[in-house]
Amino acid sequence: MVERKTRNNGRETMAKILEHAKLELDAVGPVKFNILRVIESSGVSRSSMYHHFKNRDGVIAAVEVARMSEEAAFINLVLKQTIESVGTHREAMDAIRTVLVATGSDLGKKLRAHRIAVIATAQTIPLLSEQMREDQKKIDDDLKDILRTAESRGLTSPIANVDGVVHLITSLFIGRTMVDILGTEQADAAWVDATMASLEHLIPPRR
């Protein structure tokens, strides 16, 4: 009970710091981000801030984690609504391709680069690492619901475990950074085609 209460208090403190850190980051950007202003405006002690986030970079990374989770949730919501509205397997696959193509944008590349940096930072910040695990589980659960919805509507008939398919999809998000490094539209288009071929095999139409 004491451990749970301590954890809840820690999360409340983190939430307060992040609320003010986001305002600071939006106002001045990461270069001019002033952690002392965040400490003063949030009313949280300096020792508490350093206890939870270790340093200035940890606070910035935590803000990025929250933003990425919101963006992933939005993408999943759009995909869910699309899958619920289409009537054929082909339309469902086209919807997935549209998402993959859209996330090949400069913004998508930036988000992937941010995520790698955030994952590295989170390894030394237990509460942030735990938050990332919880957020990723929620993202995975949403994707599982989408795939099961497609199956229940008779659009698909997965040949592999849904959990495994979801883990493959989410791992591709990070793996795509290796394609981003090449910086060519041809490489990204080839990645999309290969990814879709894999998904077409794993979640074919119902016979």
N, C-alpha and C. Protein backbone atom coordinates (compact mmCIF):
# COMPACT_ATOMS: atom_id res chain seq x y z
N MET A 1 0.83 -1.21 0.00
CA MET A 1 0.00 0.00 0.00
C MET A 1 0.86 1.26 0.00
N VAL A 2 1.93 1.25 0.84
CA VAL A 2 2.82 2.41 0.92
C VAL A 2 3.52 2.62 -0.42
N GLU A 3 3.95 1.49 -1.03
CA GLU A 3 4.64 1.58 -2.32
C GLU A 3 3.71 2.16 -3.39
N ARG A 4 2.43 1.73 -3.39
CA ARG A 4 1.49 2.23 -4.38
C ARG A 4 1.23 3.72 -4.17
N LYS A 5 1.10 4.14 -2.91
CA LYS A 5 0.87 5.56 -2.62
C LYS A 5 2.06 6.39 -3.06
N THR A 6 3.26 5.89 -2.81
CA THR A 6 4.48 6.59 -3.22
C THR A 6 4.53 6.73 -4.74
N ARG A 7 4.15 5.65 -5.42
CA ARG A 7 4.16 5.67 -6.89
C ARG A 7 3.15 6.69 -7.41
N ASN A 8 1.95 6.72 -6.80
CA ASN A 8 0.93 7.67 -7.22
C ASN A 8 1.39 9.11 -7.00
N ASN A 9 2.03 9.35 -5.85
CA ASN A 9 2.55 10.69 -5.57
C ASN A 9 3.62 11.08 -6.60
N GLY A 10 4.44 10.10 -6.95
CA GLY A 10 5.47 10.35 -7.95
C GLY A 10 4.87 10.72 -9.29
N ARG A 11 3.80 10.05 -9.67
CA ARG A 11 3.14 10.33 -10.95
C ARG A 11 2.50 11.71 -10.93
N GLU A 12 1.91 12.08 -9.80
CA GLU A 12 1.30 13.40 -9.68
C GLU A 12 2.36 14.49 -9.82
N THR A 13 3.50 14.26 -9.19
CA THR A 13 4.61 15.22 -9.29
C THR A 13 5.10 15.31 -10.73
N MET A 14 5.25 14.16 -11.38
CA MET A 14 5.69 14.14 -12.77
C MET A 14 4.71 14.89 -13.66
N ALA A 15 3.42 14.66 -13.43
CA ALA A 15 2.40 15.31 -14.25
C ALA A 15 2.46 16.82 -14.11
N LYS A 16 2.68 17.28 -12.89
CA LYS A 16 2.76 18.73 -12.65
C LYS A 16 3.98 19.33 -13.36
N ILE A 17 5.11 18.64 -13.26
CA ILE A 17 6.32 19.12 -13.92
C ILE A 17 6.12 19.14 -15.44
N LEU A 18 5.53 18.08 -15.97
CA LEU A 18 5.35 17.98 -17.42
C LEU A 18 4.39 19.04 -17.95
N GLU A 19 3.38 19.36 -17.16
CA GLU A 19 2.43 20.40 -17.57
C GLU A 19 3.15 21.72 -17.83
N HIS A 20 4.03 22.09 -16.92
CA HIS A 20 4.76 23.35 -17.05
C HIS A 20 5.93 23.23 -18.03
N ALA A 21 6.51 22.04 -18.12
CA ALA A 21 7.60 21.83 -19.07
C ALA A 21 7.10 21.94 -20.51
N LYS A 22 5.90 21.45 -20.76
CA LYS A 22 5.33 21.54 -22.10
C LYS A 22 5.11 23.00 -22.50
N LEU A 23 4.61 23.80 -21.56
CA LEU A 23 4.41 25.22 -21.83
C LEU A 23 5.74 25.90 -22.15
N GLU A 24 6.76 25.56 -21.39
CA GLU A 24 8.09 26.14 -21.62
C GLU A 24 8.65 25.70 -22.97
N LEU A 25 8.47 24.44 -23.29
CA LEU A 25 9.00 23.91 -24.55
C LEU A 25 8.28 24.53 -25.75
N ASP A 26 6.97 24.68 -25.62
CA ASP A 26 6.20 25.31 -26.70
C ASP A 26 6.57 26.77 -26.88
N ALA A 27 6.91 27.42 -25.79
CA ALA A 27 7.20 28.86 -25.82
C ALA A 27 8.58 29.17 -26.39
N VAL A 28 9.59 28.39 -26.02
CA VAL A 28 10.96 28.75 -26.40
C VAL A 28 11.71 27.67 -27.17
N GLY A 29 11.15 26.45 -27.25
CA GLY A 29 11.84 25.38 -27.95
C GLY A 29 12.88 24.69 -27.09
N PRO A 30 13.44 23.57 -27.57
CA PRO A 30 14.39 22.78 -26.77
C PRO A 30 15.72 23.47 -26.49
N VAL A 31 16.18 24.31 -27.41
CA VAL A 31 17.49 24.95 -27.22
C VAL A 31 17.47 25.93 -26.06
N LYS A 32 16.40 26.75 -25.97
CA LYS A 32 16.31 27.76 -24.93
C LYS A 32 15.50 27.29 -23.72
N PHE A 33 15.15 26.01 -23.71
CA PHE A 33 14.37 25.44 -22.61
C PHE A 33 15.11 25.67 -21.29
N ASN A 34 14.41 26.31 -20.34
CA ASN A 34 15.02 26.67 -19.05
C ASN A 34 14.37 25.86 -17.94
N ILE A 35 15.10 24.90 -17.41
CA ILE A 35 14.54 24.02 -16.39
C ILE A 35 14.25 24.76 -15.10
N LEU A 36 15.00 25.82 -14.81
CA LEU A 36 14.76 26.59 -13.59
C LEU A 36 13.40 27.29 -13.64
N ARG A 37 13.02 27.76 -14.83
CA ARG A 37 11.70 28.38 -14.98
C ARG A 37 10.60 27.36 -14.74
N VAL A 38 10.82 26.14 -15.21
CA VAL A 38 9.84 25.07 -15.02
C VAL A 38 9.69 24.74 -13.54
N ILE A 39 10.81 24.65 -12.84
CA ILE A 39 10.78 24.35 -11.41
C ILE A 39 10.02 25.44 -10.66
N GLU A 40 10.30 26.68 -11.01
CA GLU A 40 9.65 27.81 -10.32
C GLU A 40 8.15 27.86 -10.61
N SER A 41 7.77 27.70 -11.86
CA SER A 41 6.35 27.81 -12.22
C SER A 41 5.53 26.63 -11.73
N SER A 42 6.14 25.44 -11.64
CA SER A 42 5.42 24.25 -11.20
C SER A 42 5.29 24.16 -9.69
N GLY A 43 6.21 24.83 -8.98
CA GLY A 43 6.19 24.77 -7.53
C GLY A 43 6.78 23.50 -6.97
N VAL A 44 7.37 22.69 -7.83
CA VAL A 44 8.00 21.44 -7.41
C VAL A 44 9.45 21.71 -7.04
N SER A 45 9.93 21.06 -6.01
CA SER A 45 11.30 21.30 -5.58
C SER A 45 12.31 20.82 -6.61
N ARG A 46 13.47 21.44 -6.61
CA ARG A 46 14.52 21.05 -7.54
C ARG A 46 14.94 19.60 -7.30
N SER A 47 15.04 19.21 -6.04
CA SER A 47 15.46 17.84 -5.72
C SER A 47 14.46 16.82 -6.25
N SER A 48 13.16 17.16 -6.17
CA SER A 48 12.13 16.26 -6.66
C SER A 48 12.20 16.12 -8.18
N MET A 49 12.44 17.24 -8.86
CA MET A 49 12.55 17.21 -10.31
C MET A 49 13.71 16.32 -10.74
N TYR A 50 14.86 16.50 -10.10
CA TYR A 50 16.03 15.71 -10.46
C TYR A 50 15.86 14.24 -10.06
N HIS A 51 15.10 14.01 -9.00
CA HIS A 51 14.85 12.63 -8.57
C HIS A 51 14.06 11.88 -9.65
N HIS A 52 13.05 12.54 -10.21
CA HIS A 52 12.19 11.89 -11.19
C HIS A 52 12.78 11.86 -12.60
N PHE A 53 13.43 12.94 -13.00
CA PHE A 53 13.86 13.07 -14.40
C PHE A 53 15.37 13.10 -14.61
N LYS A 54 16.14 13.13 -13.53
CA LYS A 54 17.61 13.12 -13.58
C LYS A 54 18.21 14.45 -14.02
N ASN A 55 17.71 15.00 -15.14
CA ASN A 55 18.29 16.23 -15.66
C ASN A 55 17.33 16.92 -16.63
N ARG A 56 17.80 18.02 -17.20
CA ARG A 56 17.00 18.81 -18.14
C ARG A 56 16.56 17.96 -19.34
N ASP A 57 17.47 17.17 -19.89
CA ASP A 57 17.14 16.34 -21.04
C ASP A 57 16.06 15.32 -20.71
N GLY A 58 16.06 14.85 -19.46
CA GLY A 58 15.04 13.90 -19.05
C GLY A 58 13.66 14.51 -19.05
N VAL A 59 13.56 15.78 -18.66
CA VAL A 59 12.27 16.48 -18.66
C VAL A 59 11.78 16.66 -20.10
N ILE A 60 12.68 17.10 -20.97
CA ILE A 60 12.31 17.29 -22.37
C ILE A 60 11.87 15.96 -22.99
N ALA A 61 12.59 14.90 -22.68
CA ALA A 61 12.25 13.58 -23.21
C ALA A 61 10.88 13.14 -22.74
N ALA A 62 10.55 13.43 -21.49
CA ALA A 62 9.25 13.04 -20.94
C ALA A 62 8.12 13.76 -21.67
N VAL A 63 8.33 15.03 -22.00
CA VAL A 63 7.32 15.77 -22.77
C VAL A 63 7.14 15.12 -24.14
N GLU A 64 8.24 14.72 -24.75
CA GLU A 64 8.18 14.08 -26.07
C GLU A 64 7.45 12.74 -26.00
N VAL A 65 7.65 12.00 -24.90
CA VAL A 65 6.94 10.72 -24.73
C VAL A 65 5.44 10.95 -24.74
N ALA A 66 4.99 11.95 -23.99
CA ALA A 66 3.56 12.25 -23.92
C ALA A 66 3.02 12.65 -25.29
N ARG A 67 3.77 13.45 -26.00
CA ARG A 67 3.32 13.89 -27.33
C ARG A 67 3.25 12.72 -28.31
N MET A 68 4.25 11.87 -28.29
CA MET A 68 4.26 10.73 -29.20
C MET A 68 3.11 9.78 -28.92
N SER A 69 2.77 9.62 -27.65
CA SER A 69 1.66 8.75 -27.29
C SER A 69 0.35 9.31 -27.81
N GLU A 70 0.20 10.63 -27.71
CA GLU A 70 -1.01 11.28 -28.21
C GLU A 70 -1.11 11.13 -29.73
N GLU A 71 0.01 11.30 -30.41
CA GLU A 71 0.02 11.19 -31.88
C GLU A 71 -0.28 9.76 -32.33
N ALA A 72 0.29 8.78 -31.63
CA ALA A 72 0.05 7.38 -31.97
C ALA A 72 -1.41 7.02 -31.73
N ALA A 73 -1.98 7.54 -30.64
CA ALA A 73 -3.39 7.28 -30.33
C ALA A 73 -4.28 7.87 -31.42
N PHE A 74 -3.92 9.05 -31.92
CA PHE A 74 -4.71 9.69 -32.97
C PHE A 74 -4.66 8.87 -34.26
N ILE A 75 -3.47 8.41 -34.63
CA ILE A 75 -3.32 7.60 -35.84
C ILE A 75 -4.14 6.32 -35.72
N ASN A 76 -4.09 5.67 -34.56
CA ASN A 76 -4.86 4.45 -34.34
C ASN A 76 -6.36 4.72 -34.41
N LEU A 77 -6.78 5.87 -33.90
CA LEU A 77 -8.21 6.22 -33.94
C LEU A 77 -8.67 6.38 -35.38
N VAL A 78 -7.88 7.09 -36.18
CA VAL A 78 -8.23 7.28 -37.59
C VAL A 78 -8.29 5.94 -38.31
N LEU A 79 -7.30 5.07 -38.04
CA LEU A 79 -7.27 3.75 -38.67
C LEU A 79 -8.47 2.92 -38.23
N LYS A 80 -8.82 2.99 -36.96
CA LYS A 80 -9.96 2.24 -36.43
C LYS A 80 -11.26 2.66 -37.12
N GLN A 81 -11.46 3.96 -37.22
CA GLN A 81 -12.67 4.48 -37.86
C GLN A 81 -12.73 4.07 -39.33
N THR A 82 -11.56 4.04 -39.97
CA THR A 82 -11.51 3.65 -41.38
C THR A 82 -11.86 2.18 -41.54
N ILE A 83 -11.26 1.33 -40.71
CA ILE A 83 -11.51 -0.11 -40.78
C ILE A 83 -12.98 -0.42 -40.52
N GLU A 84 -13.59 0.35 -39.64
CA GLU A 84 -15.01 0.13 -39.33
C GLU A 84 -15.93 0.56 -40.47
N SER A 85 -15.41 1.39 -41.37
CA SER A 85 -16.26 1.92 -42.44
C SER A 85 -16.06 1.22 -43.79
N VAL A 86 -14.93 0.53 -43.98
CA VAL A 86 -14.68 -0.12 -45.27
C VAL A 86 -15.45 -1.43 -45.38
N GLY A 87 -15.57 -1.93 -46.63
CA GLY A 87 -16.36 -3.14 -46.83
C GLY A 87 -15.61 -4.32 -47.39
N THR A 88 -14.35 -4.12 -47.77
CA THR A 88 -13.58 -5.22 -48.35
C THR A 88 -12.16 -5.27 -47.78
N HIS A 89 -11.53 -6.43 -47.97
CA HIS A 89 -10.15 -6.60 -47.54
C HIS A 89 -9.24 -5.61 -48.27
N ARG A 90 -9.50 -5.43 -49.57
CA ARG A 90 -8.67 -4.52 -50.35
C ARG A 90 -8.73 -3.10 -49.79
N GLU A 91 -9.91 -2.66 -49.43
CA GLU A 91 -10.08 -1.32 -48.86
C GLU A 91 -9.36 -1.21 -47.52
N ALA A 92 -9.40 -2.28 -46.74
CA ALA A 92 -8.71 -2.28 -45.45
C ALA A 92 -7.20 -2.17 -45.65
N MET A 93 -6.66 -2.93 -46.60
CA MET A 93 -5.23 -2.88 -46.88
C MET A 93 -4.82 -1.51 -47.44
N ASP A 94 -5.68 -0.95 -48.26
CA ASP A 94 -5.40 0.38 -48.81
C ASP A 94 -5.35 1.43 -47.70
N ALA A 95 -6.19 1.24 -46.68
CA ALA A 95 -6.20 2.18 -45.55
C ALA A 95 -4.87 2.10 -44.79
N ILE A 96 -4.39 0.87 -44.60
CA ILE A 96 -3.10 0.69 -43.91
C ILE A 96 -1.97 1.30 -44.74
N ARG A 97 -2.01 1.08 -46.04
CA ARG A 97 -0.97 1.65 -46.92
C ARG A 97 -0.98 3.18 -46.83
N THR A 98 -2.17 3.75 -46.78
CA THR A 98 -2.28 5.21 -46.68
C THR A 98 -1.59 5.73 -45.42
N VAL A 99 -1.76 5.00 -44.31
CA VAL A 99 -1.11 5.40 -43.06
C VAL A 99 0.40 5.29 -43.19
N LEU A 100 0.87 4.20 -43.78
CA LEU A 100 2.32 4.01 -43.95
C LEU A 100 2.93 5.09 -44.84
N VAL A 101 2.24 5.43 -45.90
CA VAL A 101 2.75 6.47 -46.80
C VAL A 101 2.77 7.82 -46.09
N ALA A 102 1.69 8.10 -45.35
CA ALA A 102 1.58 9.39 -44.64
C ALA A 102 2.69 9.54 -43.60
N THR A 103 3.04 8.45 -42.92
CA THR A 103 4.08 8.54 -41.89
C THR A 103 5.49 8.53 -42.48
N GLY A 104 5.58 8.52 -43.79
CA GLY A 104 6.88 8.66 -44.44
C GLY A 104 7.24 10.12 -44.66
N SER A 105 6.38 11.02 -44.20
CA SER A 105 6.61 12.46 -44.34
C SER A 105 7.77 12.92 -43.48
N ASP A 106 8.17 14.17 -43.67
CA ASP A 106 9.25 14.73 -42.85
C ASP A 106 8.87 14.69 -41.37
N LEU A 107 7.59 14.95 -41.08
CA LEU A 107 7.13 14.89 -39.68
C LEU A 107 7.27 13.48 -39.13
N GLY A 108 6.89 12.48 -39.94
CA GLY A 108 7.02 11.10 -39.50
C GLY A 108 8.46 10.73 -39.21
N LYS A 109 9.38 11.19 -40.05
CA LYS A 109 10.81 10.92 -39.84
C LYS A 109 11.29 11.58 -38.55
N LYS A 110 10.82 12.80 -38.33
CA LYS A 110 11.21 13.52 -37.12
C LYS A 110 10.71 12.80 -35.87
N LEU A 111 9.48 12.29 -35.93
CA LEU A 111 8.91 11.58 -34.78
C LEU A 111 9.70 10.31 -34.48
N ARG A 112 10.10 9.59 -35.52
CA ARG A 112 10.88 8.37 -35.30
C ARG A 112 12.24 8.68 -34.69
N ALA A 113 12.87 9.73 -35.18
CA ALA A 113 14.18 10.12 -34.63
C ALA A 113 14.04 10.52 -33.17
N HIS A 114 12.95 11.25 -32.86
CA HIS A 114 12.69 11.65 -31.48
C HIS A 114 12.51 10.42 -30.60
N ARG A 115 11.77 9.45 -31.12
CA ARG A 115 11.46 8.27 -30.30
C ARG A 115 12.73 7.51 -29.93
N ILE A 116 13.65 7.38 -30.86
CA ILE A 116 14.90 6.70 -30.56
C ILE A 116 15.66 7.43 -29.47
N ALA A 117 15.72 8.76 -29.58
CA ALA A 117 16.42 9.56 -28.56
C ALA A 117 15.74 9.42 -27.21
N VAL A 118 14.41 9.41 -27.22
CA VAL A 118 13.65 9.31 -25.97
C VAL A 118 13.85 7.94 -25.32
N ILE A 119 13.83 6.89 -26.13
CA ILE A 119 14.04 5.54 -25.60
C ILE A 119 15.40 5.44 -24.91
N ALA A 120 16.41 6.03 -25.54
CA ALA A 120 17.76 6.00 -24.95
C ALA A 120 17.79 6.74 -23.62
N THR A 121 17.14 7.90 -23.57
CA THR A 121 17.11 8.69 -22.34
C THR A 121 16.34 7.98 -21.24
N ALA A 122 15.23 7.32 -21.62
CA ALA A 122 14.35 6.68 -20.64
C ALA A 122 15.01 5.52 -19.91
N GLN A 123 16.06 4.95 -20.48
CA GLN A 123 16.71 3.80 -19.85
C GLN A 123 17.27 4.14 -18.47
N THR A 124 17.57 5.41 -18.23
CA THR A 124 18.15 5.80 -16.94
C THR A 124 17.13 6.48 -16.03
N ILE A 125 15.86 6.53 -16.48
CA ILE A 125 14.82 7.19 -15.69
C ILE A 125 13.68 6.19 -15.47
N PRO A 126 13.65 5.48 -14.34
CA PRO A 126 12.68 4.41 -14.12
C PRO A 126 11.22 4.79 -14.35
N LEU A 127 10.77 5.93 -13.82
CA LEU A 127 9.37 6.31 -13.99
C LEU A 127 9.04 6.60 -15.44
N LEU A 128 9.97 7.20 -16.15
CA LEU A 128 9.75 7.48 -17.57
C LEU A 128 9.73 6.20 -18.38
N SER A 129 10.62 5.29 -18.04
CA SER A 129 10.66 3.99 -18.71
C SER A 129 9.36 3.23 -18.48
N GLU A 130 8.86 3.29 -17.26
CA GLU A 130 7.59 2.63 -16.93
C GLU A 130 6.44 3.26 -17.71
N GLN A 131 6.44 4.58 -17.82
CA GLN A 131 5.40 5.28 -18.56
C GLN A 131 5.42 4.88 -20.03
N MET A 132 6.61 4.75 -20.59
CA MET A 132 6.73 4.33 -21.98
C MET A 132 6.18 2.92 -22.18
N ARG A 133 6.44 2.03 -21.23
CA ARG A 133 5.91 0.67 -21.33
C ARG A 133 4.39 0.68 -21.31
N GLU A 134 3.81 1.48 -20.41
CA GLU A 134 2.36 1.55 -20.31
C GLU A 134 1.75 2.15 -21.58
N ASP A 135 2.38 3.19 -22.09
CA ASP A 135 1.89 3.83 -23.31
C ASP A 135 1.96 2.87 -24.49
N GLN A 136 3.07 2.13 -24.59
CA GLN A 136 3.23 1.19 -25.69
C GLN A 136 2.21 0.07 -25.60
N LYS A 137 1.92 -0.38 -24.39
CA LYS A 137 0.91 -1.43 -24.21
C LYS A 137 -0.45 -0.94 -24.68
N LYS A 138 -0.77 0.33 -24.38
CA LYS A 138 -2.05 0.90 -24.82
C LYS A 138 -2.10 0.98 -26.35
N ILE A 139 -1.01 1.40 -26.96
CA ILE A 139 -0.94 1.47 -28.42
C ILE A 139 -1.12 0.08 -29.03
N ASP A 140 -0.43 -0.91 -28.45
CA ASP A 140 -0.55 -2.29 -28.94
C ASP A 140 -1.97 -2.81 -28.79
N ASP A 141 -2.59 -2.54 -27.64
CA ASP A 141 -3.96 -2.99 -27.41
C ASP A 141 -4.93 -2.38 -28.42
N ASP A 142 -4.72 -1.11 -28.74
CA ASP A 142 -5.57 -0.45 -29.74
C ASP A 142 -5.41 -1.11 -31.11
N LEU A 143 -4.18 -1.43 -31.47
CA LEU A 143 -3.93 -2.09 -32.76
C LEU A 143 -4.55 -3.49 -32.80
N LYS A 144 -4.47 -4.20 -31.67
CA LYS A 144 -5.09 -5.53 -31.61
C LYS A 144 -6.59 -5.42 -31.83
N ASP A 145 -7.21 -4.42 -31.21
CA ASP A 145 -8.65 -4.22 -31.39
C ASP A 145 -8.99 -3.95 -32.85
N ILE A 146 -8.14 -3.17 -33.52
CA ILE A 146 -8.36 -2.85 -34.93
C ILE A 146 -8.29 -4.12 -35.78
N LEU A 147 -7.28 -4.95 -35.54
CA LEU A 147 -7.13 -6.19 -36.30
C LEU A 147 -8.28 -7.16 -36.02
N ARG A 148 -8.71 -7.22 -34.77
CA ARG A 148 -9.82 -8.12 -34.42
C ARG A 148 -11.13 -7.62 -35.01
N THR A 149 -11.27 -6.30 -35.09
CA THR A 149 -12.47 -5.73 -35.71
C THR A 149 -12.51 -6.11 -37.19
N ALA A 150 -11.37 -6.01 -37.86
CA ALA A 150 -11.29 -6.38 -39.27
C ALA A 150 -11.64 -7.86 -39.46
N GLU A 151 -11.16 -8.69 -38.53
CA GLU A 151 -11.44 -10.13 -38.63
C GLU A 151 -12.91 -10.42 -38.36
N SER A 152 -13.47 -9.79 -37.33
CA SER A 152 -14.87 -10.04 -36.97
C SER A 152 -15.84 -9.55 -38.05
N ARG A 153 -15.40 -8.57 -38.83
CA ARG A 153 -16.24 -8.06 -39.92
C ARG A 153 -16.07 -8.87 -41.20
N GLY A 154 -15.24 -9.91 -41.12
CA GLY A 154 -15.05 -10.76 -42.28
C GLY A 154 -14.12 -10.21 -43.33
N LEU A 155 -13.34 -9.18 -42.95
CA LEU A 155 -12.42 -8.56 -43.91
C LEU A 155 -11.10 -9.31 -44.01
N THR A 156 -10.67 -9.89 -42.89
CA THR A 156 -9.37 -10.56 -42.86
C THR A 156 -9.46 -11.89 -42.13
N SER A 157 -8.42 -12.69 -42.33
CA SER A 157 -8.31 -13.97 -41.63
C SER A 157 -6.83 -14.20 -41.31
N PRO A 158 -6.35 -13.62 -40.21
CA PRO A 158 -4.92 -13.68 -39.87
C PRO A 158 -4.39 -15.11 -39.80
N ILE A 159 -3.19 -15.32 -40.35
CA ILE A 159 -2.57 -16.66 -40.28
C ILE A 159 -1.57 -16.73 -39.13
N ALA A 160 -1.34 -15.60 -38.46
CA ALA A 160 -0.41 -15.55 -37.33
C ALA A 160 -1.13 -14.97 -36.12
N ASN A 161 -0.57 -15.21 -34.95
CA ASN A 161 -1.12 -14.68 -33.71
C ASN A 161 -1.21 -13.16 -33.79
N VAL A 162 -2.35 -12.61 -33.42
CA VAL A 162 -2.57 -11.16 -33.51
C VAL A 162 -1.53 -10.39 -32.70
N ASP A 163 -1.19 -10.91 -31.52
CA ASP A 163 -0.18 -10.24 -30.69
C ASP A 163 1.14 -10.10 -31.45
N GLY A 164 1.54 -11.19 -32.11
CA GLY A 164 2.78 -11.16 -32.86
C GLY A 164 2.74 -10.19 -34.03
N VAL A 165 1.60 -10.14 -34.71
CA VAL A 165 1.45 -9.21 -35.83
C VAL A 165 1.58 -7.77 -35.35
N VAL A 166 0.95 -7.48 -34.21
CA VAL A 166 1.01 -6.12 -33.66
C VAL A 166 2.44 -5.76 -33.26
N HIS A 167 3.13 -6.69 -32.61
CA HIS A 167 4.52 -6.42 -32.21
C HIS A 167 5.39 -6.17 -33.45
N LEU A 168 5.11 -6.89 -34.51
CA LEU A 168 5.86 -6.68 -35.76
C LEU A 168 5.60 -5.28 -36.30
N ILE A 169 4.34 -4.88 -36.31
CA ILE A 169 3.97 -3.56 -36.84
C ILE A 169 4.63 -2.44 -36.04
N THR A 170 4.57 -2.53 -34.71
CA THR A 170 5.14 -1.46 -33.89
C THR A 170 6.67 -1.44 -33.96
N SER A 171 7.28 -2.62 -34.13
CA SER A 171 8.74 -2.64 -34.25
C SER A 171 9.19 -2.04 -35.58
N LEU A 172 8.34 -2.12 -36.60
CA LEU A 172 8.67 -1.53 -37.90
C LEU A 172 8.80 -0.02 -37.80
N PHE A 173 8.08 0.57 -36.84
CA PHE A 173 8.13 2.03 -36.67
C PHE A 173 9.56 2.48 -36.41
N ILE A 174 10.25 1.77 -35.52
CA ILE A 174 11.64 2.12 -35.21
C ILE A 174 12.57 1.68 -36.33
N GLY A 175 12.33 0.47 -36.85
CA GLY A 175 13.19 -0.04 -37.92
C GLY A 175 13.19 0.84 -39.16
N ARG A 176 12.12 1.56 -39.37
CA ARG A 176 12.02 2.42 -40.55
C ARG A 176 13.05 3.55 -40.53
N THR A 177 13.60 3.84 -39.36
CA THR A 177 14.61 4.90 -39.28
C THR A 177 15.84 4.56 -40.13
N MET A 178 16.11 3.28 -40.31
CA MET A 178 17.25 2.89 -41.14
C MET A 178 17.00 3.27 -42.60
N VAL A 179 15.72 3.27 -43.00
CA VAL A 179 15.36 3.72 -44.34
C VAL A 179 15.40 5.24 -44.40
N ASP A 180 14.97 5.88 -43.31
CA ASP A 180 15.00 7.35 -43.25
C ASP A 180 16.41 7.88 -43.49
N ILE A 181 17.40 7.17 -42.97
CA ILE A 181 18.79 7.60 -43.10
C ILE A 181 19.20 7.74 -44.57
N LEU A 182 18.64 6.87 -45.42
CA LEU A 182 18.99 6.92 -46.84
C LEU A 182 18.48 8.20 -47.50
N GLY A 183 17.36 8.70 -46.99
CA GLY A 183 16.85 9.99 -47.45
C GLY A 183 16.34 10.03 -48.88
N THR A 184 15.84 8.90 -49.40
CA THR A 184 15.31 8.90 -50.76
C THR A 184 13.86 8.42 -50.78
N GLU A 185 13.07 8.99 -51.68
CA GLU A 185 11.68 8.58 -51.81
C GLU A 185 11.59 7.15 -52.33
N GLN A 186 12.55 6.76 -53.17
CA GLN A 186 12.54 5.41 -53.73
C GLN A 186 12.71 4.36 -52.63
N ALA A 187 13.62 4.61 -51.70
CA ALA A 187 13.85 3.66 -50.61
C ALA A 187 12.61 3.55 -49.73
N ASP A 188 11.97 4.68 -49.45
CA ASP A 188 10.79 4.66 -48.60
C ASP A 188 9.64 3.94 -49.30
N ALA A 189 9.47 4.19 -50.60
CA ALA A 189 8.40 3.53 -51.35
C ALA A 189 8.63 2.02 -51.38
N ALA A 190 9.89 1.61 -51.54
CA ALA A 190 10.21 0.18 -51.54
C ALA A 190 9.91 -0.44 -50.19
N TRP A 191 10.19 0.30 -49.10
CA TRP A 191 9.90 -0.19 -47.75
C TRP A 191 8.40 -0.38 -47.58
N VAL A 192 7.61 0.60 -48.04
CA VAL A 192 6.16 0.50 -47.93
C VAL A 192 5.65 -0.72 -48.69
N ASP A 193 6.15 -0.92 -49.92
CA ASP A 193 5.71 -2.07 -50.72
C ASP A 193 6.05 -3.40 -50.03
N ALA A 194 7.27 -3.50 -49.49
CA ALA A 194 7.68 -4.74 -48.82
C ALA A 194 6.87 -4.97 -47.55
N THR A 195 6.62 -3.90 -46.81
CA THR A 195 5.83 -4.02 -45.59
C THR A 195 4.41 -4.46 -45.90
N MET A 196 3.82 -3.88 -46.94
CA MET A 196 2.46 -4.26 -47.32
C MET A 196 2.40 -5.71 -47.79
N ALA A 197 3.44 -6.15 -48.50
CA ALA A 197 3.47 -7.55 -48.95
C ALA A 197 3.49 -8.49 -47.75
N SER A 198 4.23 -8.11 -46.72
CA SER A 198 4.29 -8.92 -45.49
C SER A 198 2.93 -8.96 -44.80
N LEU A 199 2.29 -7.79 -44.70
CA LEU A 199 1.00 -7.72 -44.02
C LEU A 199 -0.09 -8.44 -44.83
N GLU A 200 -0.01 -8.35 -46.16
CA GLU A 200 -0.97 -9.06 -47.01
C GLU A 200 -0.88 -10.56 -46.75
N HIS A 201 0.34 -11.04 -46.50
CA HIS A 201 0.54 -12.47 -46.23
C HIS A 201 0.05 -12.84 -44.83
N LEU A 202 0.32 -11.98 -43.85
CA LEU A 202 -0.04 -12.28 -42.46
C LEU A 202 -1.53 -12.12 -42.18
N ILE A 203 -2.15 -11.15 -42.86
CA ILE A 203 -3.60 -10.92 -42.64
C ILE A 203 -4.33 -10.91 -43.99
N PRO A 204 -4.42 -12.09 -44.61
CA PRO A 204 -5.07 -12.20 -45.92
C PRO A 204 -6.59 -12.08 -45.80
N PRO A 205 -7.28 -11.98 -46.94
CA PRO A 205 -8.75 -11.92 -46.89
C PRO A 205 -9.33 -13.26 -46.45
N ARG A 206 -10.52 -13.22 -45.90
CA ARG A 206 -11.19 -14.46 -45.51
C ARG A 206 -11.63 -15.20 -46.77
N ARG A 207 -11.36 -16.49 -46.79
CA ARG A 207 -11.71 -17.30 -47.96
C ARG A 207 -13.17 -17.74 -47.91
